[in-house]
């Protein structure tokens, strides 16, 4: 039984380290997330504008019962390039599309502070709960 506790402690530690790294590297705004996606593809731009239709209240996004919200994106290169961000949760699980730049449904990182814990930590918590439940025989 002692070795199982050691395994659980090591697993929790690893999840926390990975989660902390993800938390510190998360963008604070959609603009930063779009800029990172463009920089990753080495696309030079002069400016980025992102409309955030869900502000100031996130409940406006989901008032109709739909779980998807959208934000408009304009990237200024030689001319404006239009696109959108599609989110399946409030400021999380978002995808960028800029069709003229051949960017289609590229996953964006969750904004910092969106979830109480980074996604990897949430997965780790559910994995640990399941293992503990199995150890207890439930």
N, C-alpha and C. Protein backbone atom coordinates (compact mmCIF):
# COMPACT_ATOMS: atom_id res chain seq x y z
N UNK A 1 0.83 -1.20 0.00
CA UNK A 1 0.00 0.00 0.00
C UNK A 1 0.87 1.26 0.00
N UNK A 2 2.05 1.19 0.63
CA UNK A 2 2.95 2.34 0.72
C UNK A 2 3.40 2.80 -0.67
N UNK A 3 3.70 1.88 -1.57
CA UNK A 3 4.17 2.24 -2.91
C UNK A 3 3.07 2.93 -3.71
N UNK A 4 1.81 2.59 -3.45
CA UNK A 4 0.70 3.24 -4.15
C UNK A 4 0.62 4.72 -3.77
N UNK A 5 0.85 5.01 -2.51
CA UNK A 5 0.84 6.38 -2.04
C UNK A 5 1.96 7.18 -2.71
N UNK A 6 3.13 6.57 -2.85
CA UNK A 6 4.26 7.23 -3.50
C UNK A 6 3.92 7.53 -4.96
N UNK A 7 3.29 6.58 -5.64
CA UNK A 7 2.91 6.78 -7.04
C UNK A 7 1.92 7.93 -7.15
N UNK A 8 0.95 7.99 -6.25
CA UNK A 8 -0.06 9.05 -6.28
C UNK A 8 0.62 10.41 -6.03
N UNK A 9 1.52 10.48 -5.07
CA UNK A 9 2.20 11.74 -4.77
C UNK A 9 3.04 12.21 -5.95
N UNK A 10 3.75 11.30 -6.60
CA UNK A 10 4.56 11.65 -7.76
C UNK A 10 3.66 12.13 -8.90
N UNK A 11 2.53 11.45 -9.12
CA UNK A 11 1.61 11.84 -10.19
C UNK A 11 1.03 13.22 -9.93
N UNK A 12 0.63 13.49 -8.70
CA UNK A 12 0.09 14.81 -8.36
C UNK A 12 1.15 15.88 -8.57
N UNK A 13 2.38 15.61 -8.15
CA UNK A 13 3.47 16.58 -8.35
C UNK A 13 3.70 16.88 -9.80
N UNK A 14 3.71 15.85 -10.63
CA UNK A 14 3.93 16.05 -12.07
C UNK A 14 2.81 16.88 -12.69
N UNK A 15 1.58 16.59 -12.31
CA UNK A 15 0.44 17.33 -12.84
C UNK A 15 0.52 18.79 -12.42
N UNK A 16 0.90 19.05 -11.18
CA UNK A 16 1.01 20.43 -10.70
C UNK A 16 2.11 21.20 -11.42
N UNK A 17 3.24 20.56 -11.68
CA UNK A 17 4.34 21.23 -12.39
C UNK A 17 3.92 21.58 -13.81
N UNK A 18 3.32 20.63 -14.51
CA UNK A 18 2.86 20.88 -15.88
C UNK A 18 1.78 21.94 -15.88
N UNK A 19 0.86 21.86 -14.93
CA UNK A 19 -0.22 22.85 -14.84
C UNK A 19 0.29 24.24 -14.56
N UNK A 20 1.27 24.38 -13.70
CA UNK A 20 1.85 25.69 -13.40
C UNK A 20 2.53 26.28 -14.63
N UNK A 21 3.21 25.46 -15.39
CA UNK A 21 3.86 25.94 -16.62
C UNK A 21 2.81 26.42 -17.61
N UNK A 22 1.72 25.70 -17.72
CA UNK A 22 0.66 26.08 -18.65
C UNK A 22 0.00 27.37 -18.18
N UNK A 23 -0.20 27.51 -16.88
CA UNK A 23 -0.86 28.69 -16.33
C UNK A 23 -0.04 29.94 -16.59
N UNK A 24 1.27 29.87 -16.43
CA UNK A 24 2.13 31.04 -16.63
C UNK A 24 2.31 31.38 -18.10
N UNK A 25 2.06 30.45 -19.01
CA UNK A 25 2.25 30.72 -20.43
C UNK A 25 0.94 31.04 -21.15
N UNK A 26 -0.18 31.06 -20.46
CA UNK A 26 -1.47 31.34 -21.09
C UNK A 26 -1.59 32.82 -21.45
N UNK A 27 -2.15 33.11 -22.63
CA UNK A 27 -2.35 34.51 -22.99
C UNK A 27 -3.45 35.13 -22.12
N UNK A 28 -3.38 36.43 -21.92
CA UNK A 28 -4.38 37.12 -21.10
C UNK A 28 -5.56 37.62 -21.93
N UNK A 29 -5.35 37.79 -23.25
CA UNK A 29 -6.40 38.30 -24.13
C UNK A 29 -6.46 37.46 -25.40
N UNK A 30 -7.59 37.58 -26.09
CA UNK A 30 -7.71 36.92 -27.39
C UNK A 30 -6.68 37.49 -28.36
N UNK A 31 -6.41 38.79 -28.27
CA UNK A 31 -5.44 39.41 -29.17
C UNK A 31 -4.08 38.74 -29.01
N UNK A 32 -3.65 38.49 -27.78
CA UNK A 32 -2.38 37.81 -27.54
C UNK A 32 -2.41 36.38 -28.09
N UNK A 33 -3.55 35.71 -27.97
CA UNK A 33 -3.66 34.34 -28.48
C UNK A 33 -3.56 34.33 -30.00
N UNK A 34 -4.23 35.29 -30.66
CA UNK A 34 -4.15 35.38 -32.13
C UNK A 34 -2.73 35.74 -32.56
N UNK A 35 -2.09 36.67 -31.85
CA UNK A 35 -0.72 37.06 -32.18
C UNK A 35 0.22 35.86 -32.08
N UNK A 36 0.04 35.04 -31.06
CA UNK A 36 0.89 33.85 -30.91
C UNK A 36 0.68 32.88 -32.08
N UNK A 37 -0.57 32.71 -32.50
CA UNK A 37 -0.86 31.81 -33.63
C UNK A 37 -0.22 32.33 -34.91
N UNK A 38 -0.27 33.65 -35.13
CA UNK A 38 0.35 34.24 -36.33
C UNK A 38 1.87 34.15 -36.26
N UNK A 39 2.43 34.44 -35.09
CA UNK A 39 3.89 34.36 -34.93
C UNK A 39 4.39 32.94 -35.16
N UNK A 40 3.63 31.97 -34.69
CA UNK A 40 4.01 30.56 -34.86
C UNK A 40 4.09 30.20 -36.34
N UNK A 41 3.25 30.83 -37.15
CA UNK A 41 3.23 30.56 -38.59
C UNK A 41 4.07 31.56 -39.37
N UNK A 42 4.80 32.42 -38.65
CA UNK A 42 5.68 33.43 -39.24
C UNK A 42 4.94 34.34 -40.20
N UNK A 43 3.74 34.77 -39.79
CA UNK A 43 2.94 35.71 -40.58
C UNK A 43 3.13 37.09 -39.96
N UNK A 44 3.72 38.00 -40.74
CA UNK A 44 3.95 39.36 -40.26
C UNK A 44 2.64 40.15 -40.33
N UNK A 45 2.39 40.98 -39.33
CA UNK A 45 1.16 41.78 -39.27
C UNK A 45 1.49 43.12 -38.64
N UNK A 46 0.65 44.13 -38.96
CA UNK A 46 0.83 45.45 -38.36
C UNK A 46 0.00 45.59 -37.08
N UNK A 47 -1.21 45.04 -37.10
CA UNK A 47 -2.09 45.17 -35.95
C UNK A 47 -3.12 44.05 -35.98
N UNK A 48 -3.73 43.81 -34.81
CA UNK A 48 -4.78 42.82 -34.67
C UNK A 48 -5.89 43.46 -33.85
N UNK A 49 -7.12 43.30 -34.33
CA UNK A 49 -8.27 43.73 -33.55
C UNK A 49 -9.17 42.53 -33.33
N UNK A 50 -9.62 42.37 -32.10
CA UNK A 50 -10.52 41.27 -31.76
C UNK A 50 -11.73 41.84 -31.05
N UNK A 51 -12.91 41.57 -31.60
CA UNK A 51 -14.14 41.95 -30.92
C UNK A 51 -14.50 40.87 -29.92
N UNK A 52 -14.95 41.28 -28.75
CA UNK A 52 -15.31 40.30 -27.71
C UNK A 52 -16.78 40.51 -27.35
N UNK A 53 -17.68 39.88 -28.10
CA UNK A 53 -19.10 40.15 -27.91
C UNK A 53 -19.66 39.66 -26.58
N UNK A 54 -18.94 38.85 -25.84
CA UNK A 54 -19.46 38.30 -24.59
C UNK A 54 -19.19 39.19 -23.40
N UNK A 55 -18.46 40.25 -23.57
CA UNK A 55 -18.17 41.13 -22.45
C UNK A 55 -19.28 42.14 -22.31
N UNK A 56 -19.62 42.64 -21.17
CA UNK A 56 -18.96 42.42 -19.90
C UNK A 56 -19.48 41.19 -19.15
N UNK A 57 -20.54 40.58 -19.63
CA UNK A 57 -21.16 39.49 -18.89
C UNK A 57 -21.11 38.20 -19.71
N UNK A 58 -20.44 37.15 -19.22
CA UNK A 58 -20.35 35.91 -20.00
C UNK A 58 -21.69 35.23 -20.21
N UNK A 59 -22.68 35.58 -19.41
CA UNK A 59 -23.99 34.93 -19.55
C UNK A 59 -24.68 35.33 -20.86
N UNK A 60 -24.28 36.47 -21.45
CA UNK A 60 -24.86 36.87 -22.73
C UNK A 60 -24.49 35.87 -23.83
N UNK A 61 -23.34 35.24 -23.69
CA UNK A 61 -22.89 34.31 -24.73
C UNK A 61 -23.81 33.10 -24.84
N UNK A 62 -24.32 32.66 -23.72
CA UNK A 62 -25.03 31.39 -23.69
C UNK A 62 -26.51 31.56 -23.33
N UNK A 63 -27.03 32.79 -23.45
CA UNK A 63 -28.41 33.05 -23.05
C UNK A 63 -29.41 32.24 -23.88
N UNK A 64 -29.06 31.96 -25.13
CA UNK A 64 -30.00 31.22 -25.98
C UNK A 64 -29.89 29.72 -25.79
N UNK A 65 -29.02 29.27 -24.89
CA UNK A 65 -28.87 27.84 -24.67
C UNK A 65 -27.77 27.24 -25.52
N UNK A 66 -27.22 28.00 -26.45
CA UNK A 66 -26.12 27.49 -27.27
C UNK A 66 -24.83 27.61 -26.49
N UNK A 67 -23.94 26.69 -26.68
CA UNK A 67 -22.67 26.69 -25.96
C UNK A 67 -21.55 27.30 -26.78
N UNK A 68 -21.83 27.81 -27.97
CA UNK A 68 -20.79 28.35 -28.82
C UNK A 68 -20.93 29.86 -28.91
N UNK A 69 -19.81 30.57 -28.77
CA UNK A 69 -19.80 32.02 -28.97
C UNK A 69 -18.73 32.36 -29.99
N UNK A 70 -18.85 33.55 -30.57
CA UNK A 70 -17.94 33.97 -31.63
C UNK A 70 -17.39 35.36 -31.33
N UNK A 71 -16.19 35.61 -31.78
CA UNK A 71 -15.60 36.94 -31.73
C UNK A 71 -14.99 37.22 -33.10
N UNK A 72 -15.19 38.43 -33.59
CA UNK A 72 -14.62 38.79 -34.89
C UNK A 72 -13.14 39.13 -34.73
N UNK A 73 -12.38 38.84 -35.78
CA UNK A 73 -10.94 39.11 -35.79
C UNK A 73 -10.59 39.84 -37.08
N UNK A 74 -9.81 40.91 -36.95
CA UNK A 74 -9.28 41.62 -38.12
C UNK A 74 -7.77 41.69 -37.94
N UNK A 75 -7.04 41.15 -38.91
CA UNK A 75 -5.59 41.20 -38.91
C UNK A 75 -5.18 42.14 -40.03
N UNK A 76 -4.39 43.15 -39.69
CA UNK A 76 -3.94 44.13 -40.67
C UNK A 76 -2.55 43.75 -41.16
N UNK A 77 -2.50 43.39 -42.45
CA UNK A 77 -1.22 43.08 -43.10
C UNK A 77 -1.07 44.19 -44.15
N UNK A 78 -1.08 43.88 -45.42
CA UNK A 78 -1.13 44.92 -46.45
C UNK A 78 -2.55 45.46 -46.55
N UNK A 79 -3.49 44.59 -46.28
CA UNK A 79 -4.92 44.94 -46.27
C UNK A 79 -5.56 44.17 -45.11
N UNK A 80 -6.74 44.55 -44.70
CA UNK A 80 -7.38 43.83 -43.59
C UNK A 80 -7.76 42.39 -43.99
N UNK A 81 -7.50 41.48 -43.09
CA UNK A 81 -7.90 40.08 -43.27
C UNK A 81 -8.89 39.77 -42.15
N UNK A 82 -10.06 39.28 -42.53
CA UNK A 82 -11.14 39.06 -41.57
C UNK A 82 -11.26 37.58 -41.22
N UNK A 83 -11.65 37.34 -39.98
CA UNK A 83 -11.86 35.97 -39.53
C UNK A 83 -12.66 35.97 -38.25
N UNK A 84 -12.57 34.85 -37.53
CA UNK A 84 -13.33 34.75 -36.28
C UNK A 84 -12.67 33.77 -35.32
N UNK A 85 -13.04 33.95 -34.08
CA UNK A 85 -12.70 32.99 -33.03
C UNK A 85 -14.02 32.35 -32.62
N UNK A 86 -14.02 31.04 -32.55
CA UNK A 86 -15.20 30.28 -32.13
C UNK A 86 -14.87 29.58 -30.82
N UNK A 87 -15.65 29.86 -29.78
CA UNK A 87 -15.39 29.26 -28.46
C UNK A 87 -16.56 28.37 -28.05
N UNK A 88 -16.21 27.21 -27.50
CA UNK A 88 -17.23 26.26 -27.08
C UNK A 88 -17.47 26.30 -25.57
N UNK A 89 -16.75 27.18 -24.88
CA UNK A 89 -16.96 27.46 -23.47
C UNK A 89 -16.55 28.92 -23.29
N UNK A 90 -16.94 29.55 -22.18
CA UNK A 90 -16.61 30.97 -22.01
C UNK A 90 -15.10 31.16 -21.94
N UNK A 91 -14.55 31.83 -22.95
CA UNK A 91 -13.13 32.13 -23.09
C UNK A 91 -12.24 30.89 -23.02
N UNK A 92 -12.77 29.75 -23.42
CA UNK A 92 -12.00 28.50 -23.39
C UNK A 92 -12.45 27.62 -24.55
N UNK A 93 -11.62 26.65 -24.89
CA UNK A 93 -11.90 25.73 -25.99
C UNK A 93 -12.22 26.51 -27.26
N UNK A 94 -11.28 27.40 -27.63
CA UNK A 94 -11.49 28.33 -28.75
C UNK A 94 -10.65 27.94 -29.97
N UNK A 95 -11.17 28.32 -31.15
CA UNK A 95 -10.53 28.00 -32.42
C UNK A 95 -10.52 29.23 -33.31
N UNK A 96 -9.38 29.48 -33.96
CA UNK A 96 -9.19 30.64 -34.82
C UNK A 96 -9.32 30.23 -36.28
N UNK A 97 -10.06 31.03 -37.04
CA UNK A 97 -10.14 30.85 -38.49
C UNK A 97 -9.89 32.19 -39.17
N UNK A 98 -8.89 32.22 -40.04
CA UNK A 98 -8.58 33.36 -40.90
C UNK A 98 -8.42 32.77 -42.30
N UNK A 99 -9.53 32.70 -43.02
CA UNK A 99 -9.58 31.92 -44.25
C UNK A 99 -8.61 32.40 -45.31
N UNK A 100 -8.46 33.74 -45.45
CA UNK A 100 -7.54 34.27 -46.48
C UNK A 100 -6.08 33.92 -46.20
N UNK A 101 -5.77 33.58 -44.94
CA UNK A 101 -4.41 33.19 -44.57
C UNK A 101 -4.29 31.67 -44.46
N UNK A 102 -5.32 30.96 -44.88
CA UNK A 102 -5.35 29.49 -44.84
C UNK A 102 -5.21 28.95 -43.41
N UNK A 103 -5.82 29.65 -42.48
CA UNK A 103 -5.86 29.21 -41.09
C UNK A 103 -7.31 28.81 -40.82
N UNK A 104 -7.51 27.53 -40.58
CA UNK A 104 -8.87 27.01 -40.40
C UNK A 104 -8.97 26.25 -39.08
N UNK A 105 -9.78 26.75 -38.18
CA UNK A 105 -10.07 26.09 -36.90
C UNK A 105 -8.81 25.66 -36.15
N UNK A 106 -7.88 26.59 -35.99
CA UNK A 106 -6.65 26.33 -35.24
C UNK A 106 -6.96 26.52 -33.75
N UNK A 107 -6.63 25.53 -32.95
CA UNK A 107 -6.91 25.61 -31.51
C UNK A 107 -6.07 26.71 -30.87
N UNK A 108 -6.73 27.53 -30.05
CA UNK A 108 -6.05 28.58 -29.29
C UNK A 108 -5.96 28.13 -27.83
N UNK A 109 -4.91 28.57 -27.13
CA UNK A 109 -4.84 28.23 -25.70
C UNK A 109 -5.94 28.96 -24.94
N UNK A 110 -6.40 28.37 -23.83
CA UNK A 110 -7.38 29.05 -22.99
C UNK A 110 -6.76 30.32 -22.43
N UNK A 111 -7.57 31.35 -22.25
CA UNK A 111 -7.07 32.58 -21.66
C UNK A 111 -6.72 32.35 -20.20
N UNK A 112 -5.72 33.07 -19.72
CA UNK A 112 -5.29 32.94 -18.32
C UNK A 112 -6.45 33.28 -17.40
N UNK A 113 -6.62 32.47 -16.39
CA UNK A 113 -7.67 32.71 -15.41
C UNK A 113 -9.05 32.26 -15.83
N UNK A 114 -9.18 31.66 -17.01
CA UNK A 114 -10.48 31.22 -17.48
C UNK A 114 -11.02 30.08 -16.63
N UNK A 115 -10.20 29.13 -16.37
CA UNK A 115 -10.59 27.98 -15.56
C UNK A 115 -9.85 28.10 -14.23
N UNK A 116 -10.47 27.59 -13.16
CA UNK A 116 -9.77 27.67 -11.88
C UNK A 116 -8.43 26.95 -11.91
N UNK A 117 -8.33 25.90 -12.68
CA UNK A 117 -7.08 25.16 -12.84
C UNK A 117 -6.90 24.88 -14.32
N UNK A 118 -5.67 24.84 -14.82
CA UNK A 118 -5.47 24.51 -16.23
C UNK A 118 -6.06 23.14 -16.58
N UNK A 119 -6.38 22.98 -17.83
CA UNK A 119 -7.05 21.77 -18.31
C UNK A 119 -6.29 20.50 -17.93
N UNK A 120 -4.97 20.53 -17.99
CA UNK A 120 -4.19 19.33 -17.67
C UNK A 120 -4.37 18.95 -16.20
N UNK A 121 -4.52 19.95 -15.33
CA UNK A 121 -4.75 19.67 -13.91
C UNK A 121 -6.13 19.06 -13.71
N UNK A 122 -7.12 19.57 -14.45
CA UNK A 122 -8.48 19.01 -14.37
C UNK A 122 -8.46 17.53 -14.78
N UNK A 123 -7.74 17.22 -15.85
CA UNK A 123 -7.64 15.83 -16.28
C UNK A 123 -6.94 14.99 -15.21
N UNK A 124 -5.89 15.55 -14.63
CA UNK A 124 -5.16 14.83 -13.58
C UNK A 124 -6.03 14.56 -12.36
N UNK A 125 -6.84 15.55 -11.99
CA UNK A 125 -7.75 15.36 -10.85
C UNK A 125 -8.75 14.24 -11.12
N UNK A 126 -9.33 14.22 -12.31
CA UNK A 126 -10.31 13.18 -12.61
C UNK A 126 -9.64 11.81 -12.67
N UNK A 127 -8.40 11.75 -13.19
CA UNK A 127 -7.67 10.49 -13.24
C UNK A 127 -7.41 9.98 -11.83
N UNK A 128 -6.96 10.87 -10.93
CA UNK A 128 -6.69 10.48 -9.55
C UNK A 128 -7.96 10.03 -8.83
N UNK A 129 -9.06 10.74 -9.04
CA UNK A 129 -10.33 10.33 -8.41
C UNK A 129 -10.70 8.91 -8.82
N UNK A 130 -10.55 8.63 -10.10
CA UNK A 130 -10.89 7.29 -10.61
C UNK A 130 -9.98 6.23 -9.99
N UNK A 131 -8.70 6.50 -9.89
CA UNK A 131 -7.77 5.52 -9.30
C UNK A 131 -8.07 5.29 -7.82
N UNK A 132 -8.37 6.36 -7.10
CA UNK A 132 -8.70 6.22 -5.68
C UNK A 132 -9.99 5.43 -5.50
N UNK A 133 -10.96 5.69 -6.36
CA UNK A 133 -12.22 4.94 -6.30
C UNK A 133 -11.98 3.46 -6.53
N UNK A 134 -11.08 3.14 -7.48
CA UNK A 134 -10.77 1.73 -7.75
C UNK A 134 -10.03 1.10 -6.58
N UNK A 135 -9.12 1.85 -5.96
CA UNK A 135 -8.38 1.31 -4.79
C UNK A 135 -9.32 1.03 -3.62
N UNK A 136 -10.32 1.84 -3.47
CA UNK A 136 -11.27 1.63 -2.38
C UNK A 136 -12.27 0.53 -2.70
N UNK A 137 -12.32 0.13 -3.96
CA UNK A 137 -13.21 -0.95 -4.36
C UNK A 137 -14.65 -0.52 -4.60
N UNK A 138 -14.83 0.73 -4.93
CA UNK A 138 -16.20 1.20 -5.16
C UNK A 138 -16.57 1.13 -6.62
